[in-house]
Amino acid sequence: MLWRTIQAILWGAGVLGVLTAIYGYAEVTRPWIGPVLLVAGVLYAVNITIMPTWRYRVHRWEATDDAVYALTGWLTRRWQVVPVSRIQSIDTEIGPLQRRLGLATISVTTASSEGKITIEGVGTATAEEAVDRLRRITAATAGDAT
């Protein structure tokens, strides 16, 4: 949850910083950028206070011997299931902020453009264990992963 909060704060600071800089330096834009800045500020305040908790409560994932499951979404929930026999690659990504917080992102990809599952904010040890387990299961599963 901390990782998502920090992400939201950084995005908000970036967007609001650019809008504020334009407002301050380009006087001609003030009549229309002022209201945009105000609305964006309110939206980011709501995003920073609600989004991390909401995503923490909603997002779920599980890797079994048969499939990888992931539930994501804000207002519309998306439940994805990728059978192990369809997995083509399993990747782990650890960005600088995630490294500092001991987190990782797991990506499970299939041949289908809709078949990629991304699981964010997983503890590093859990991610390593899950990726290694999935690698062993997919190697032992018959099929061509297409």
N, C-alpha and C. Protein backbone atom coordinates (compact mmCIF):
# COMPACT_ATOMS: atom_id res chain seq x y z
N MET A 1 0.82 -1.18 0.00
CA MET A 1 0.00 0.00 0.00
C MET A 1 0.88 1.26 0.00
N LEU A 2 2.00 1.22 0.73
CA LEU A 2 2.92 2.35 0.76
C LEU A 2 3.47 2.65 -0.63
N TRP A 3 3.78 1.57 -1.37
CA TRP A 3 4.32 1.73 -2.73
C TRP A 3 3.32 2.47 -3.62
N ARG A 4 2.06 2.09 -3.57
CA ARG A 4 1.04 2.77 -4.38
C ARG A 4 0.84 4.21 -3.94
N THR A 5 0.91 4.47 -2.65
CA THR A 5 0.77 5.84 -2.13
C THR A 5 1.92 6.71 -2.64
N ILE A 6 3.13 6.19 -2.56
CA ILE A 6 4.30 6.95 -3.04
C ILE A 6 4.18 7.19 -4.54
N GLN A 7 3.76 6.18 -5.30
CA GLN A 7 3.56 6.35 -6.74
C GLN A 7 2.56 7.46 -7.03
N ALA A 8 1.43 7.44 -6.33
CA ALA A 8 0.38 8.45 -6.54
C ALA A 8 0.90 9.85 -6.19
N ILE A 9 1.66 9.95 -5.11
CA ILE A 9 2.22 11.25 -4.71
C ILE A 9 3.20 11.76 -5.77
N LEU A 10 4.06 10.89 -6.26
CA LEU A 10 5.04 11.30 -7.27
C LEU A 10 4.36 11.73 -8.57
N TRP A 11 3.37 10.95 -9.02
CA TRP A 11 2.64 11.34 -10.24
C TRP A 11 1.92 12.67 -10.04
N GLY A 12 1.25 12.80 -8.89
CA GLY A 12 0.54 14.04 -8.60
C GLY A 12 1.48 15.23 -8.55
N ALA A 13 2.63 15.07 -7.89
CA ALA A 13 3.60 16.16 -7.80
C ALA A 13 4.13 16.52 -9.19
N GLY A 14 4.35 15.53 -10.02
CA GLY A 14 4.84 15.80 -11.37
C GLY A 14 3.84 16.56 -12.22
N VAL A 15 2.63 16.06 -12.27
CA VAL A 15 1.59 16.70 -13.09
C VAL A 15 1.25 18.08 -12.55
N LEU A 16 1.02 18.18 -11.24
CA LEU A 16 0.68 19.47 -10.66
C LEU A 16 1.85 20.45 -10.74
N GLY A 17 3.07 19.94 -10.64
CA GLY A 17 4.26 20.78 -10.78
C GLY A 17 4.36 21.39 -12.17
N VAL A 18 4.10 20.59 -13.19
CA VAL A 18 4.14 21.10 -14.57
C VAL A 18 3.03 22.14 -14.78
N LEU A 19 1.82 21.82 -14.32
CA LEU A 19 0.72 22.77 -14.47
C LEU A 19 0.99 24.07 -13.72
N THR A 20 1.56 23.97 -12.53
CA THR A 20 1.88 25.16 -11.75
C THR A 20 2.96 25.99 -12.44
N ALA A 21 3.96 25.31 -13.00
CA ALA A 21 5.02 26.03 -13.72
C ALA A 21 4.46 26.77 -14.93
N ILE A 22 3.56 26.13 -15.67
CA ILE A 22 2.94 26.79 -16.82
C ILE A 22 2.11 27.98 -16.34
N TYR A 23 1.36 27.77 -15.28
CA TYR A 23 0.55 28.86 -14.72
C TYR A 23 1.42 30.04 -14.30
N GLY A 24 2.55 29.74 -13.70
CA GLY A 24 3.42 30.82 -13.21
C GLY A 24 4.19 31.53 -14.30
N TYR A 25 4.58 30.82 -15.34
CA TYR A 25 5.45 31.42 -16.36
C TYR A 25 4.71 31.93 -17.60
N ALA A 26 3.58 31.35 -17.89
CA ALA A 26 2.84 31.77 -19.09
C ALA A 26 1.55 32.45 -18.67
N GLU A 27 1.61 33.75 -18.53
CA GLU A 27 0.47 34.52 -18.03
C GLU A 27 -0.77 34.36 -18.92
N VAL A 28 -0.58 34.17 -20.19
CA VAL A 28 -1.69 34.05 -21.12
C VAL A 28 -2.53 32.78 -20.85
N THR A 29 -1.93 31.78 -20.21
CA THR A 29 -2.65 30.53 -19.95
C THR A 29 -3.44 30.54 -18.64
N ARG A 30 -3.24 31.55 -17.82
CA ARG A 30 -3.85 31.57 -16.49
C ARG A 30 -5.38 31.47 -16.47
N PRO A 31 -6.09 32.09 -17.39
CA PRO A 31 -7.55 31.99 -17.33
C PRO A 31 -8.07 30.56 -17.48
N TRP A 32 -7.39 29.75 -18.24
CA TRP A 32 -7.89 28.38 -18.42
C TRP A 32 -7.09 27.35 -17.63
N ILE A 33 -5.83 27.59 -17.36
CA ILE A 33 -5.04 26.60 -16.63
C ILE A 33 -5.31 26.65 -15.13
N GLY A 34 -5.75 27.79 -14.62
CA GLY A 34 -6.10 27.89 -13.20
C GLY A 34 -7.17 26.89 -12.81
N PRO A 35 -8.33 26.87 -13.52
CA PRO A 35 -9.36 25.87 -13.19
C PRO A 35 -8.88 24.43 -13.40
N VAL A 36 -8.07 24.20 -14.44
CA VAL A 36 -7.54 22.86 -14.69
C VAL A 36 -6.65 22.44 -13.52
N LEU A 37 -5.84 23.35 -13.04
CA LEU A 37 -4.95 23.08 -11.91
C LEU A 37 -5.76 22.77 -10.65
N LEU A 38 -6.81 23.51 -10.43
CA LEU A 38 -7.68 23.28 -9.27
C LEU A 38 -8.34 21.91 -9.33
N VAL A 39 -8.93 21.57 -10.48
CA VAL A 39 -9.59 20.27 -10.64
C VAL A 39 -8.57 19.13 -10.52
N ALA A 40 -7.41 19.29 -11.15
CA ALA A 40 -6.38 18.26 -11.07
C ALA A 40 -5.91 18.09 -9.62
N GLY A 41 -5.79 19.16 -8.89
CA GLY A 41 -5.39 19.08 -7.49
C GLY A 41 -6.38 18.28 -6.66
N VAL A 42 -7.66 18.54 -6.87
CA VAL A 42 -8.70 17.81 -6.14
C VAL A 42 -8.68 16.33 -6.53
N LEU A 43 -8.56 16.05 -7.84
CA LEU A 43 -8.52 14.66 -8.30
C LEU A 43 -7.32 13.91 -7.73
N TYR A 44 -6.16 14.54 -7.72
CA TYR A 44 -4.97 13.88 -7.16
C TYR A 44 -5.08 13.70 -5.65
N ALA A 45 -5.70 14.64 -4.96
CA ALA A 45 -5.90 14.49 -3.52
C ALA A 45 -6.78 13.27 -3.23
N VAL A 46 -7.85 13.12 -4.01
CA VAL A 46 -8.72 11.95 -3.87
C VAL A 46 -7.95 10.68 -4.24
N ASN A 47 -7.19 10.74 -5.32
CA ASN A 47 -6.41 9.59 -5.78
C ASN A 47 -5.41 9.14 -4.72
N ILE A 48 -4.73 10.07 -4.12
CA ILE A 48 -3.70 9.74 -3.12
C ILE A 48 -4.32 9.16 -1.85
N THR A 49 -5.49 9.65 -1.46
CA THR A 49 -6.09 9.19 -0.21
C THR A 49 -6.90 7.90 -0.36
N ILE A 50 -7.49 7.66 -1.53
CA ILE A 50 -8.39 6.51 -1.69
C ILE A 50 -7.76 5.35 -2.47
N MET A 51 -7.07 5.64 -3.56
CA MET A 51 -6.59 4.60 -4.46
C MET A 51 -5.73 3.53 -3.81
N PRO A 52 -4.71 3.85 -3.01
CA PRO A 52 -3.87 2.79 -2.47
C PRO A 52 -4.64 1.77 -1.62
N THR A 53 -5.50 2.26 -0.75
CA THR A 53 -6.29 1.36 0.09
C THR A 53 -7.27 0.54 -0.75
N TRP A 54 -7.91 1.18 -1.69
CA TRP A 54 -8.87 0.49 -2.56
C TRP A 54 -8.19 -0.64 -3.32
N ARG A 55 -7.06 -0.35 -3.94
CA ARG A 55 -6.35 -1.38 -4.71
C ARG A 55 -5.84 -2.49 -3.81
N TYR A 56 -5.40 -2.15 -2.61
CA TYR A 56 -4.94 -3.17 -1.67
C TYR A 56 -6.07 -4.12 -1.30
N ARG A 57 -7.25 -3.58 -1.11
CA ARG A 57 -8.41 -4.41 -0.73
C ARG A 57 -8.98 -5.22 -1.89
N VAL A 58 -8.85 -4.72 -3.12
CA VAL A 58 -9.47 -5.37 -4.28
C VAL A 58 -8.54 -6.34 -4.99
N HIS A 59 -7.30 -5.95 -5.22
CA HIS A 59 -6.40 -6.75 -6.05
C HIS A 59 -5.98 -8.04 -5.34
N ARG A 60 -6.09 -9.14 -6.08
CA ARG A 60 -5.73 -10.45 -5.57
C ARG A 60 -5.02 -11.23 -6.67
N TRP A 61 -4.20 -12.18 -6.28
CA TRP A 61 -3.57 -13.07 -7.24
C TRP A 61 -3.27 -14.40 -6.57
N GLU A 62 -3.15 -15.43 -7.41
CA GLU A 62 -2.83 -16.76 -6.92
C GLU A 62 -2.20 -17.55 -8.06
N ALA A 63 -1.20 -18.33 -7.75
CA ALA A 63 -0.58 -19.22 -8.72
C ALA A 63 -0.73 -20.65 -8.21
N THR A 64 -1.43 -21.47 -8.98
CA THR A 64 -1.63 -22.87 -8.61
C THR A 64 -0.90 -23.76 -9.61
N ASP A 65 -1.03 -25.06 -9.44
CA ASP A 65 -0.42 -25.99 -10.39
C ASP A 65 -1.11 -25.97 -11.75
N ASP A 66 -2.32 -25.42 -11.81
CA ASP A 66 -3.10 -25.41 -13.05
C ASP A 66 -3.14 -24.06 -13.76
N ALA A 67 -3.10 -22.96 -13.00
CA ALA A 67 -3.28 -21.64 -13.61
C ALA A 67 -2.77 -20.54 -12.70
N VAL A 68 -2.67 -19.34 -13.31
CA VAL A 68 -2.36 -18.13 -12.56
C VAL A 68 -3.61 -17.26 -12.62
N TYR A 69 -4.05 -16.79 -11.47
CA TYR A 69 -5.28 -15.99 -11.36
C TYR A 69 -4.92 -14.60 -10.87
N ALA A 70 -5.61 -13.58 -11.41
CA ALA A 70 -5.39 -12.20 -10.94
C ALA A 70 -6.70 -11.43 -11.02
N LEU A 71 -7.00 -10.70 -9.97
CA LEU A 71 -8.17 -9.82 -9.91
C LEU A 71 -7.65 -8.40 -9.77
N THR A 72 -8.02 -7.52 -10.71
CA THR A 72 -7.57 -6.13 -10.70
C THR A 72 -8.76 -5.22 -10.99
N GLY A 73 -8.54 -3.92 -10.85
CA GLY A 73 -9.56 -2.96 -11.26
C GLY A 73 -9.94 -1.99 -10.18
N TRP A 74 -10.45 -0.86 -10.64
CA TRP A 74 -10.94 0.20 -9.76
C TRP A 74 -12.45 0.09 -9.67
N LEU A 75 -13.11 0.59 -10.68
CA LEU A 75 -14.57 0.54 -10.72
C LEU A 75 -15.04 -0.73 -11.42
N THR A 76 -14.34 -1.10 -12.46
CA THR A 76 -14.63 -2.33 -13.19
C THR A 76 -13.57 -3.35 -12.80
N ARG A 77 -14.00 -4.49 -12.33
CA ARG A 77 -13.07 -5.51 -11.90
C ARG A 77 -12.76 -6.46 -13.05
N ARG A 78 -11.49 -6.84 -13.15
CA ARG A 78 -11.07 -7.75 -14.22
C ARG A 78 -10.45 -8.98 -13.57
N TRP A 79 -11.03 -10.13 -13.84
CA TRP A 79 -10.56 -11.40 -13.32
C TRP A 79 -9.90 -12.13 -14.48
N GLN A 80 -8.60 -12.38 -14.38
CA GLN A 80 -7.87 -13.05 -15.45
C GLN A 80 -7.39 -14.41 -14.96
N VAL A 81 -7.47 -15.39 -15.87
CA VAL A 81 -6.98 -16.73 -15.59
C VAL A 81 -6.10 -17.14 -16.75
N VAL A 82 -4.86 -17.51 -16.46
CA VAL A 82 -3.95 -17.98 -17.48
C VAL A 82 -3.59 -19.42 -17.13
N PRO A 83 -4.03 -20.38 -17.95
CA PRO A 83 -3.66 -21.78 -17.70
C PRO A 83 -2.14 -21.95 -17.82
N VAL A 84 -1.58 -22.80 -17.00
CA VAL A 84 -0.14 -23.01 -17.00
C VAL A 84 0.34 -23.48 -18.37
N SER A 85 -0.46 -24.26 -19.06
CA SER A 85 -0.05 -24.77 -20.37
C SER A 85 0.07 -23.67 -21.42
N ARG A 86 -0.49 -22.48 -21.15
CA ARG A 86 -0.44 -21.36 -22.10
C ARG A 86 0.67 -20.35 -21.80
N ILE A 87 1.36 -20.51 -20.68
CA ILE A 87 2.39 -19.55 -20.29
C ILE A 87 3.60 -19.67 -21.21
N GLN A 88 4.03 -18.52 -21.74
CA GLN A 88 5.23 -18.47 -22.57
C GLN A 88 6.41 -17.89 -21.83
N SER A 89 6.18 -16.90 -20.99
CA SER A 89 7.29 -16.33 -20.22
C SER A 89 6.80 -15.83 -18.86
N ILE A 90 7.74 -15.85 -17.92
CA ILE A 90 7.48 -15.35 -16.57
C ILE A 90 8.63 -14.40 -16.26
N ASP A 91 8.30 -13.14 -16.02
CA ASP A 91 9.32 -12.13 -15.80
C ASP A 91 9.14 -11.47 -14.43
N THR A 92 10.24 -11.03 -13.87
CA THR A 92 10.22 -10.28 -12.62
C THR A 92 10.88 -8.93 -12.89
N GLU A 93 10.23 -7.87 -12.45
CA GLU A 93 10.76 -6.52 -12.61
C GLU A 93 10.83 -5.87 -11.23
N ILE A 94 11.98 -5.25 -10.95
CA ILE A 94 12.15 -4.56 -9.67
C ILE A 94 12.71 -3.17 -9.97
N GLY A 95 11.86 -2.16 -9.86
CA GLY A 95 12.29 -0.78 -10.09
C GLY A 95 12.98 -0.23 -8.85
N PRO A 96 13.56 0.97 -8.95
CA PRO A 96 14.29 1.55 -7.81
C PRO A 96 13.43 1.72 -6.56
N LEU A 97 12.21 2.21 -6.72
CA LEU A 97 11.32 2.39 -5.57
C LEU A 97 10.91 1.04 -4.99
N GLN A 98 10.61 0.09 -5.88
CA GLN A 98 10.25 -1.24 -5.41
C GLN A 98 11.42 -1.88 -4.66
N ARG A 99 12.63 -1.72 -5.18
CA ARG A 99 13.81 -2.30 -4.53
C ARG A 99 13.94 -1.74 -3.11
N ARG A 100 13.75 -0.45 -2.98
CA ARG A 100 13.87 0.21 -1.67
C ARG A 100 12.84 -0.33 -0.68
N LEU A 101 11.64 -0.67 -1.20
CA LEU A 101 10.55 -1.16 -0.35
C LEU A 101 10.51 -2.69 -0.27
N GLY A 102 11.42 -3.38 -0.97
CA GLY A 102 11.45 -4.84 -0.95
C GLY A 102 10.33 -5.48 -1.73
N LEU A 103 9.93 -4.85 -2.85
CA LEU A 103 8.81 -5.33 -3.66
C LEU A 103 9.26 -5.66 -5.08
N ALA A 104 8.40 -6.36 -5.81
CA ALA A 104 8.69 -6.71 -7.20
C ALA A 104 7.38 -6.79 -7.98
N THR A 105 7.50 -6.82 -9.31
CA THR A 105 6.36 -7.02 -10.20
C THR A 105 6.59 -8.30 -10.99
N ILE A 106 5.58 -9.16 -11.02
CA ILE A 106 5.64 -10.41 -11.78
C ILE A 106 4.77 -10.25 -13.02
N SER A 107 5.31 -10.62 -14.19
CA SER A 107 4.54 -10.61 -15.43
C SER A 107 4.50 -12.03 -15.99
N VAL A 108 3.30 -12.52 -16.21
CA VAL A 108 3.10 -13.84 -16.81
C VAL A 108 2.49 -13.61 -18.17
N THR A 109 3.18 -14.05 -19.23
CA THR A 109 2.78 -13.74 -20.60
C THR A 109 2.42 -14.99 -21.38
N THR A 110 1.39 -14.86 -22.23
CA THR A 110 1.01 -15.93 -23.16
C THR A 110 1.16 -15.39 -24.58
N ALA A 111 0.83 -16.21 -25.55
CA ALA A 111 0.90 -15.79 -26.95
C ALA A 111 -0.20 -14.78 -27.29
N SER A 112 -1.27 -14.79 -26.53
CA SER A 112 -2.39 -13.89 -26.77
C SER A 112 -2.07 -12.49 -26.29
N SER A 113 -2.55 -11.49 -27.03
CA SER A 113 -2.35 -10.10 -26.60
C SER A 113 -3.12 -9.79 -25.32
N GLU A 114 -4.17 -10.54 -25.03
CA GLU A 114 -4.96 -10.35 -23.82
C GLU A 114 -4.50 -11.26 -22.69
N GLY A 115 -3.48 -12.06 -22.93
CA GLY A 115 -3.10 -13.08 -21.97
C GLY A 115 -2.05 -12.70 -20.96
N LYS A 116 -1.63 -11.46 -20.91
CA LYS A 116 -0.59 -11.06 -19.97
C LYS A 116 -1.20 -10.67 -18.63
N ILE A 117 -0.66 -11.24 -17.56
CA ILE A 117 -1.06 -10.88 -16.21
C ILE A 117 0.12 -10.18 -15.56
N THR A 118 -0.12 -9.02 -14.98
CA THR A 118 0.90 -8.28 -14.26
C THR A 118 0.47 -8.18 -12.80
N ILE A 119 1.33 -8.68 -11.92
CA ILE A 119 1.06 -8.68 -10.49
C ILE A 119 2.07 -7.74 -9.84
N GLU A 120 1.60 -6.60 -9.35
CA GLU A 120 2.49 -5.56 -8.82
C GLU A 120 2.52 -5.57 -7.30
N GLY A 121 3.64 -5.09 -6.76
CA GLY A 121 3.75 -4.89 -5.32
C GLY A 121 3.87 -6.16 -4.51
N VAL A 122 4.48 -7.19 -5.08
CA VAL A 122 4.67 -8.46 -4.37
C VAL A 122 6.00 -8.41 -3.63
N GLY A 123 6.04 -8.93 -2.42
CA GLY A 123 7.29 -8.99 -1.68
C GLY A 123 8.34 -9.75 -2.50
N THR A 124 9.59 -9.31 -2.44
CA THR A 124 10.65 -9.89 -3.27
C THR A 124 10.79 -11.40 -3.05
N ALA A 125 10.79 -11.84 -1.82
CA ALA A 125 10.93 -13.27 -1.53
C ALA A 125 9.75 -14.05 -2.09
N THR A 126 8.54 -13.52 -1.93
CA THR A 126 7.35 -14.17 -2.46
C THR A 126 7.39 -14.23 -3.98
N ALA A 127 7.84 -13.14 -4.61
CA ALA A 127 7.95 -13.10 -6.07
C ALA A 127 8.94 -14.13 -6.57
N GLU A 128 10.12 -14.22 -5.94
CA GLU A 128 11.11 -15.21 -6.34
C GLU A 128 10.58 -16.62 -6.21
N GLU A 129 9.91 -16.89 -5.11
CA GLU A 129 9.33 -18.21 -4.87
C GLU A 129 8.25 -18.54 -5.91
N ALA A 130 7.37 -17.59 -6.18
CA ALA A 130 6.28 -17.80 -7.15
C ALA A 130 6.83 -18.02 -8.55
N VAL A 131 7.80 -17.21 -8.96
CA VAL A 131 8.38 -17.34 -10.30
C VAL A 131 9.10 -18.67 -10.44
N ASP A 132 9.85 -19.07 -9.43
CA ASP A 132 10.56 -20.35 -9.49
C ASP A 132 9.58 -21.51 -9.55
N ARG A 133 8.52 -21.44 -8.76
CA ARG A 133 7.49 -22.49 -8.76
C ARG A 133 6.80 -22.56 -10.11
N LEU A 134 6.41 -21.40 -10.67
CA LEU A 134 5.77 -21.39 -11.98
C LEU A 134 6.69 -21.90 -13.07
N ARG A 135 7.97 -21.57 -12.97
CA ARG A 135 8.94 -22.05 -13.95
C ARG A 135 9.01 -23.57 -13.93
N ARG A 136 9.06 -24.16 -12.73
CA ARG A 136 9.10 -25.62 -12.62
C ARG A 136 7.83 -26.26 -13.14
N ILE A 137 6.68 -25.67 -12.83
CA ILE A 137 5.39 -26.24 -13.25
C ILE A 137 5.26 -26.15 -14.76
N THR A 138 5.59 -25.01 -15.36
CA THR A 138 5.45 -24.86 -16.82
C THR A 138 6.43 -25.76 -17.56
N ALA A 139 7.62 -25.96 -17.01
CA ALA A 139 8.59 -26.86 -17.66
C ALA A 139 8.09 -28.29 -17.66
N ALA A 140 7.34 -28.68 -16.63
CA ALA A 140 6.83 -30.04 -16.53
C ALA A 140 5.49 -30.24 -17.22
N THR A 141 4.87 -29.15 -17.72
CA THR A 141 3.54 -29.23 -18.33
C THR A 141 3.67 -29.45 -19.83
N ALA A 142 2.92 -30.44 -20.30
CA ALA A 142 2.92 -30.72 -21.75
C ALA A 142 2.12 -29.63 -22.47
N GLY A 143 2.51 -29.31 -23.68
CA GLY A 143 1.81 -28.30 -24.48
C GLY A 143 2.80 -27.37 -25.11
N ASP A 144 2.32 -26.60 -26.09
CA ASP A 144 3.21 -25.72 -26.82
C ASP A 144 3.07 -24.25 -26.43
N ALA A 145 2.27 -23.96 -25.42
CA ALA A 145 2.10 -22.60 -24.88
C ALA A 145 1.57 -21.62 -25.92
N THR A 146 0.71 -22.09 -26.81
CA THR A 146 0.09 -21.19 -27.79
C THR A 146 -1.41 -21.24 -27.70
